[in-house]
């Protein structure tokens, strides 16, 4: 019985384990990896914090700059001051030398979205067509009723 239980456990582990697929591995310089971890990441964290403080301090001027069209001053400022150093610090793989680091696009679409709207599409399909109200068996009045009191 003990051998059977061990066999079932081994079989379940083997059938549920993920299979690693072949991926391209780049050779990275070990000296750069150490320099990246010891120097570039802490400096990137400091630059992200300083950029966030600058974004908060410049937000009134950014609000004035976003008044005319295309109203995207906050987006551009946040990409430059917060997201670029944040991506370089937190998302960039260790040993990657790309400056500035661009985050690759997300490969998968979300399964569900809020209010069941279709993701990545600008049009929303209505479930029902508009219905005009219909009043049946009502005849319009031919003249105003006489109240007898005058104006």
C-alpha atoms as a PDB file:
ATOM      1  CA  UNK A   1       0.000   0.000   0.000  1.00  0.00           C
ATOM      2  CA  UNK A   2       2.868   2.366   0.814  1.00  0.00           C
ATOM      3  CA  UNK A   3       4.451   1.733  -2.609  1.00  0.00           C
ATOM      4  CA  UNK A   4       1.129   2.486  -4.292  1.00  0.00           C
ATOM      5  CA  UNK A   5       0.773   5.828  -2.440  1.00  0.00           C
ATOM      6  CA  UNK A   6       4.347   6.761  -3.342  1.00  0.00           C
ATOM      7  CA  UNK A   7       3.660   5.846  -6.968  1.00  0.00           C
ATOM      8  CA  UNK A   8       0.497   8.010  -7.048  1.00  0.00           C
ATOM      9  CA  UNK A   9       2.358  10.966  -5.507  1.00  0.00           C
ATOM     10  CA  UNK A  10       5.214  10.606  -8.006  1.00  0.00           C
ATOM     11  CA  UNK A  11       2.772  10.318 -10.896  1.00  0.00           C
ATOM     12  CA  UNK A  12       0.839  13.417  -9.781  1.00  0.00           C
ATOM     13  CA  UNK A  13       4.043  15.447  -9.421  1.00  0.00           C
ATOM     14  CA  UNK A  14       5.243  14.444 -12.865  1.00  0.00           C
ATOM     15  CA  UNK A  15       1.910  15.104 -14.545  1.00  0.00           C
ATOM     16  CA  UNK A  16       1.397  18.524 -12.934  1.00  0.00           C
ATOM     17  CA  UNK A  17       4.894  19.920 -13.336  1.00  0.00           C
ATOM     18  CA  UNK A  18       5.579  22.577 -15.944  1.00  0.00           C
ATOM     19  CA  UNK A  19       7.882  21.838 -18.828  1.00  0.00           C
ATOM     20  CA  UNK A  20      10.586  24.409 -19.460  1.00  0.00           C
ATOM     21  CA  UNK A  21      10.785  25.557 -23.055  1.00  0.00           C
ATOM     22  CA  UNK A  22      14.037  26.522 -24.734  1.00  0.00           C
ATOM     23  CA  UNK A  23      14.774  30.230 -24.537  1.00  0.00           C
ATOM     24  CA  UNK A  24      17.604  32.266 -25.893  1.00  0.00           C
ATOM     25  CA  UNK A  25      20.091  33.145 -23.184  1.00  0.00           C
ATOM     26  CA  UNK A  26      22.339  36.124 -23.680  1.00  0.00           C
ATOM     27  CA  UNK A  27      25.827  36.140 -22.307  1.00  0.00           C
ATOM     28  CA  UNK A  28      26.172  38.963 -19.819  1.00  0.00           C
ATOM     29  CA  UNK A  29      29.336  40.325 -18.384  1.00  0.00           C
ATOM     30  CA  UNK A  30      29.555  39.304 -14.693  1.00  0.00           C
ATOM     31  CA  UNK A  31      31.333  42.552 -13.879  1.00  0.00           C
ATOM     32  CA  UNK A  32      28.427  44.544 -15.311  1.00  0.00           C
ATOM     33  CA  UNK A  33      25.913  42.454 -13.350  1.00  0.00           C
ATOM     34  CA  UNK A  34      27.716  43.302 -10.090  1.00  0.00           C
ATOM     35  CA  UNK A  35      27.953  46.962 -11.105  1.00  0.00           C
ATOM     36  CA  UNK A  36      24.268  46.915 -12.044  1.00  0.00           C
ATOM     37  CA  UNK A  37      23.156  45.490  -8.720  1.00  0.00           C
ATOM     38  CA  UNK A  38      25.523  47.479  -6.515  1.00  0.00           C
ATOM     39  CA  UNK A  39      25.440  50.875  -8.251  1.00  0.00           C
ATOM     40  CA  UNK A  40      22.869  51.321 -11.031  1.00  0.00           C
ATOM     41  CA  UNK A  41      19.829  49.969  -9.199  1.00  0.00           C
ATOM     42  CA  UNK A  42      20.277  52.134  -6.057  1.00  0.00           C
ATOM     43  CA  UNK A  43      20.962  55.191  -8.234  1.00  0.00           C
ATOM     44  CA  UNK A  44      17.856  54.353 -10.277  1.00  0.00           C
ATOM     45  CA  UNK A  45      15.808  54.144  -7.067  1.00  0.00           C
ATOM     46  CA  UNK A  46      17.094  57.558  -5.976  1.00  0.00           C
ATOM     47  CA  UNK A  47      16.323  59.050  -9.396  1.00  0.00           C
ATOM     48  CA  UNK A  48      12.803  57.573  -9.263  1.00  0.00           C
ATOM     49  CA  UNK A  49      12.188  59.151  -5.839  1.00  0.00           C
ATOM     50  CA  UNK A  50      13.591  62.519  -6.963  1.00  0.00           C
ATOM     51  CA  UNK A  51      11.522  62.366 -10.170  1.00  0.00           C
ATOM     52  CA  UNK A  52       8.378  61.650  -8.171  1.00  0.00           C
ATOM     53  CA  UNK A  53       9.071  64.649  -5.925  1.00  0.00           C
ATOM     54  CA  UNK A  54       9.729  66.819  -8.988  1.00  0.00           C
ATOM     55  CA  UNK A  55       6.495  65.600 -10.590  1.00  0.00           C
ATOM     56  CA  UNK A  56       4.536  66.552  -7.477  1.00  0.00           C
ATOM     57  CA  UNK A  57       6.267  69.938  -7.295  1.00  0.00           C
ATOM     58  CA  UNK A  58       5.705  70.682 -10.971  1.00  0.00           C
ATOM     59  CA  UNK A  59       2.080  69.495 -11.034  1.00  0.00           C
ATOM     60  CA  UNK A  60       0.589  73.052 -10.933  1.00  0.00           C
ATOM     61  CA  UNK A  61       2.676  74.051 -13.957  1.00  0.00           C
ATOM     62  CA  UNK A  62       1.838  70.771 -15.644  1.00  0.00           C
ATOM     63  CA  UNK A  63      -1.854  71.470 -15.066  1.00  0.00           C
ATOM     64  CA  UNK A  64      -1.455  74.834 -16.807  1.00  0.00           C
ATOM     65  CA  UNK A  65       0.399  73.161 -19.661  1.00  0.00           C
ATOM     66  CA  UNK A  66      -2.374  70.605 -20.151  1.00  0.00           C
ATOM     67  CA  UNK A  67      -5.076  73.234 -20.733  1.00  0.00           C
ATOM     68  CA  UNK A  68      -4.558  73.495 -24.526  1.00  0.00           C
ATOM     69  CA  UNK A  69      -4.941  70.534 -26.846  1.00  0.00           C
ATOM     70  CA  UNK A  70      -3.931  67.575 -26.685  1.00  0.00           C
ATOM     71  CA  UNK A  71      -4.231  67.635 -22.839  1.00  0.00           C
ATOM     72  CA  UNK A  72      -1.421  65.125 -22.309  1.00  0.00           C
ATOM     73  CA  UNK A  73       1.090  67.099 -20.258  1.00  0.00           C
ATOM     74  CA  UNK A  74       0.594  64.916 -17.149  1.00  0.00           C
ATOM     75  CA  UNK A  75       1.128  61.736 -19.183  1.00  0.00           C
ATOM     76  CA  UNK A  76       4.323  62.995 -20.806  1.00  0.00           C
ATOM     77  CA  UNK A  77       5.706  64.395 -17.550  1.00  0.00           C
ATOM     78  CA  UNK A  78       4.973  61.202 -15.620  1.00  0.00           C
ATOM     79  CA  UNK A  79       6.591  59.054 -18.329  1.00  0.00           C
ATOM     80  CA  UNK A  80       9.764  61.135 -18.215  1.00  0.00           C
ATOM     81  CA  UNK A  81      10.085  61.728 -14.464  1.00  0.00           C
ATOM     82  CA  UNK A  82       8.586  58.575 -12.902  1.00  0.00           C
ATOM     83  CA  UNK A  83       8.004  55.676 -15.285  1.00  0.00           C
ATOM     84  CA  UNK A  84      11.285  55.759 -17.242  1.00  0.00           C
ATOM     85  CA  UNK A  85      13.580  55.581 -14.176  1.00  0.00           C
ATOM     86  CA  UNK A  86      11.145  53.209 -12.457  1.00  0.00           C
ATOM     87  CA  UNK A  87      11.194  50.808 -15.405  1.00  0.00           C
ATOM     88  CA  UNK A  88      14.982  51.037 -15.561  1.00  0.00           C
ATOM     89  CA  UNK A  89      15.221  50.251 -11.851  1.00  0.00           C
ATOM     90  CA  UNK A  90      12.497  47.687 -11.237  1.00  0.00           C
ATOM     91  CA  UNK A  91      11.479  46.066 -14.558  1.00  0.00           C
ATOM     92  CA  UNK A  92      14.745  45.875 -16.514  1.00  0.00           C
ATOM     93  CA  UNK A  93      16.373  42.441 -16.299  1.00  0.00           C
ATOM     94  CA  UNK A  94      19.640  42.284 -14.372  1.00  0.00           C
ATOM     95  CA  UNK A  95      22.563  42.787 -16.712  1.00  0.00           C
ATOM     96  CA  UNK A  96      20.536  44.444 -19.485  1.00  0.00           C
ATOM     97  CA  UNK A  97      22.386  47.507 -20.807  1.00  0.00           C
ATOM     98  CA  UNK A  98      19.489  49.184 -22.673  1.00  0.00           C
ATOM     99  CA  UNK A  99      19.229  52.880 -21.814  1.00  0.00           C
ATOM    100  CA  UNK A 100      16.460  54.045 -21.764  1.00  0.00           C
ATOM    101  CA  UNK A 101      14.730  50.749 -21.071  1.00  0.00           C
ATOM    102  CA  UNK A 102      11.445  50.365 -22.930  1.00  0.00           C
ATOM    103  CA  UNK A 103       8.931  48.002 -21.390  1.00  0.00           C
ATOM    104  CA  UNK A 104       7.873  45.412 -23.967  1.00  0.00           C
ATOM    105  CA  UNK A 105       4.146  45.411 -24.750  1.00  0.00           C
ATOM    106  CA  UNK A 106       1.990  43.032 -22.801  1.00  0.00           C
ATOM    107  CA  UNK A 107       1.422  39.915 -24.908  1.00  0.00           C
ATOM    108  CA  UNK A 108      -1.903  38.774 -23.521  1.00  0.00           C
ATOM    109  CA  UNK A 109      -5.298  40.432 -23.472  1.00  0.00           C
ATOM    110  CA  UNK A 110      -7.198  40.507 -20.186  1.00  0.00           C
ATOM    111  CA  UNK A 111      -9.800  37.791 -19.757  1.00  0.00           C
ATOM    112  CA  UNK A 112     -12.406  39.961 -18.076  1.00  0.00           C
ATOM    113  CA  UNK A 113     -12.837  43.692 -17.839  1.00  0.00           C
ATOM    114  CA  UNK A 114     -14.997  45.980 -15.806  1.00  0.00           C
ATOM    115  CA  UNK A 115     -18.642  46.106 -16.905  1.00  0.00           C
ATOM    116  CA  UNK A 116     -18.005  43.286 -19.390  1.00  0.00           C
ATOM    117  CA  UNK A 117     -16.760  45.715 -22.056  1.00  0.00           C
ATOM    118  CA  UNK A 118     -14.613  44.269 -24.796  1.00  0.00           C
ATOM    119  CA  UNK A 119     -10.939  45.054 -24.165  1.00  0.00           C
ATOM    120  CA  UNK A 120      -8.897  47.186 -26.560  1.00  0.00           C
ATOM    121  CA  UNK A 121     -11.894  48.266 -28.618  1.00  0.00           C
ATOM    122  CA  UNK A 122     -13.359  51.732 -28.719  1.00  0.00           C
ATOM    123  CA  UNK A 123     -16.916  50.799 -29.645  1.00  0.00           C
ATOM    124  CA  UNK A 124     -19.380  49.326 -27.204  1.00  0.00           C
ATOM    125  CA  UNK A 125     -22.206  47.242 -28.581  1.00  0.00           C
ATOM    126  CA  UNK A 126     -25.604  47.796 -27.063  1.00  0.00           C
ATOM    127  CA  UNK A 127     -27.573  44.741 -26.135  1.00  0.00           C
ATOM    128  CA  UNK A 128     -30.997  46.181 -27.003  1.00  0.00           C
ATOM    129  CA  UNK A 129     -32.123  48.460 -29.781  1.00  0.00           C
ATOM    130  CA  UNK A 130     -34.018  51.612 -28.790  1.00  0.00           C
ATOM    131  CA  UNK A 131     -37.769  51.152 -28.589  1.00  0.00           C
ATOM    132  CA  UNK A 132     -40.231  53.915 -29.409  1.00  0.00           C
ATOM    133  CA  UNK A 133     -43.168  54.132 -27.011  1.00  0.00           C
ATOM    134  CA  UNK A 134     -46.509  53.143 -28.499  1.00  0.00           C
ATOM    135  CA  UNK A 135     -49.806  54.334 -27.015  1.00  0.00           C
ATOM    136  CA  UNK A 136     -52.771  52.417 -28.346  1.00  0.00           C
ATOM    137  CA  UNK A 137     -56.485  53.282 -28.459  1.00  0.00           C
ATOM    138  CA  UNK A 138     -56.099  56.952 -27.496  1.00  0.00           C
ATOM    139  CA  UNK A 139     -57.804  59.581 -29.591  1.00  0.00           C
ATOM    140  CA  UNK A 140     -56.581  63.171 -29.503  1.00  0.00           C
ATOM    141  CA  UNK A 141     -58.933  65.830 -28.159  1.00  0.00           C
ATOM    142  CA  UNK A 142     -60.714  67.859 -30.819  1.00  0.00           C
ATOM    143  CA  UNK A 143     -60.955  71.101 -28.804  1.00  0.00           C
ATOM    144  CA  UNK A 144     -60.083  72.445 -25.383  1.00  0.00           C
ATOM    145  CA  UNK A 145     -62.541  71.665 -22.625  1.00  0.00           C
ATOM    146  CA  UNK A 146     -64.705  74.608 -21.599  1.00  0.00           C
ATOM    147  CA  UNK A 147     -64.118  75.576 -18.001  1.00  0.00           C
ATOM    148  CA  UNK A 148     -66.672  78.398 -18.099  1.00  0.00           C
ATOM    149  CA  UNK A 149     -64.645  80.869 -16.046  1.00  0.00           C
ATOM    150  CA  UNK A 150     -62.828  82.717 -18.832  1.00  0.00           C
ATOM    151  CA  UNK A 151     -59.410  84.192 -18.620  1.00  0.00           C
END
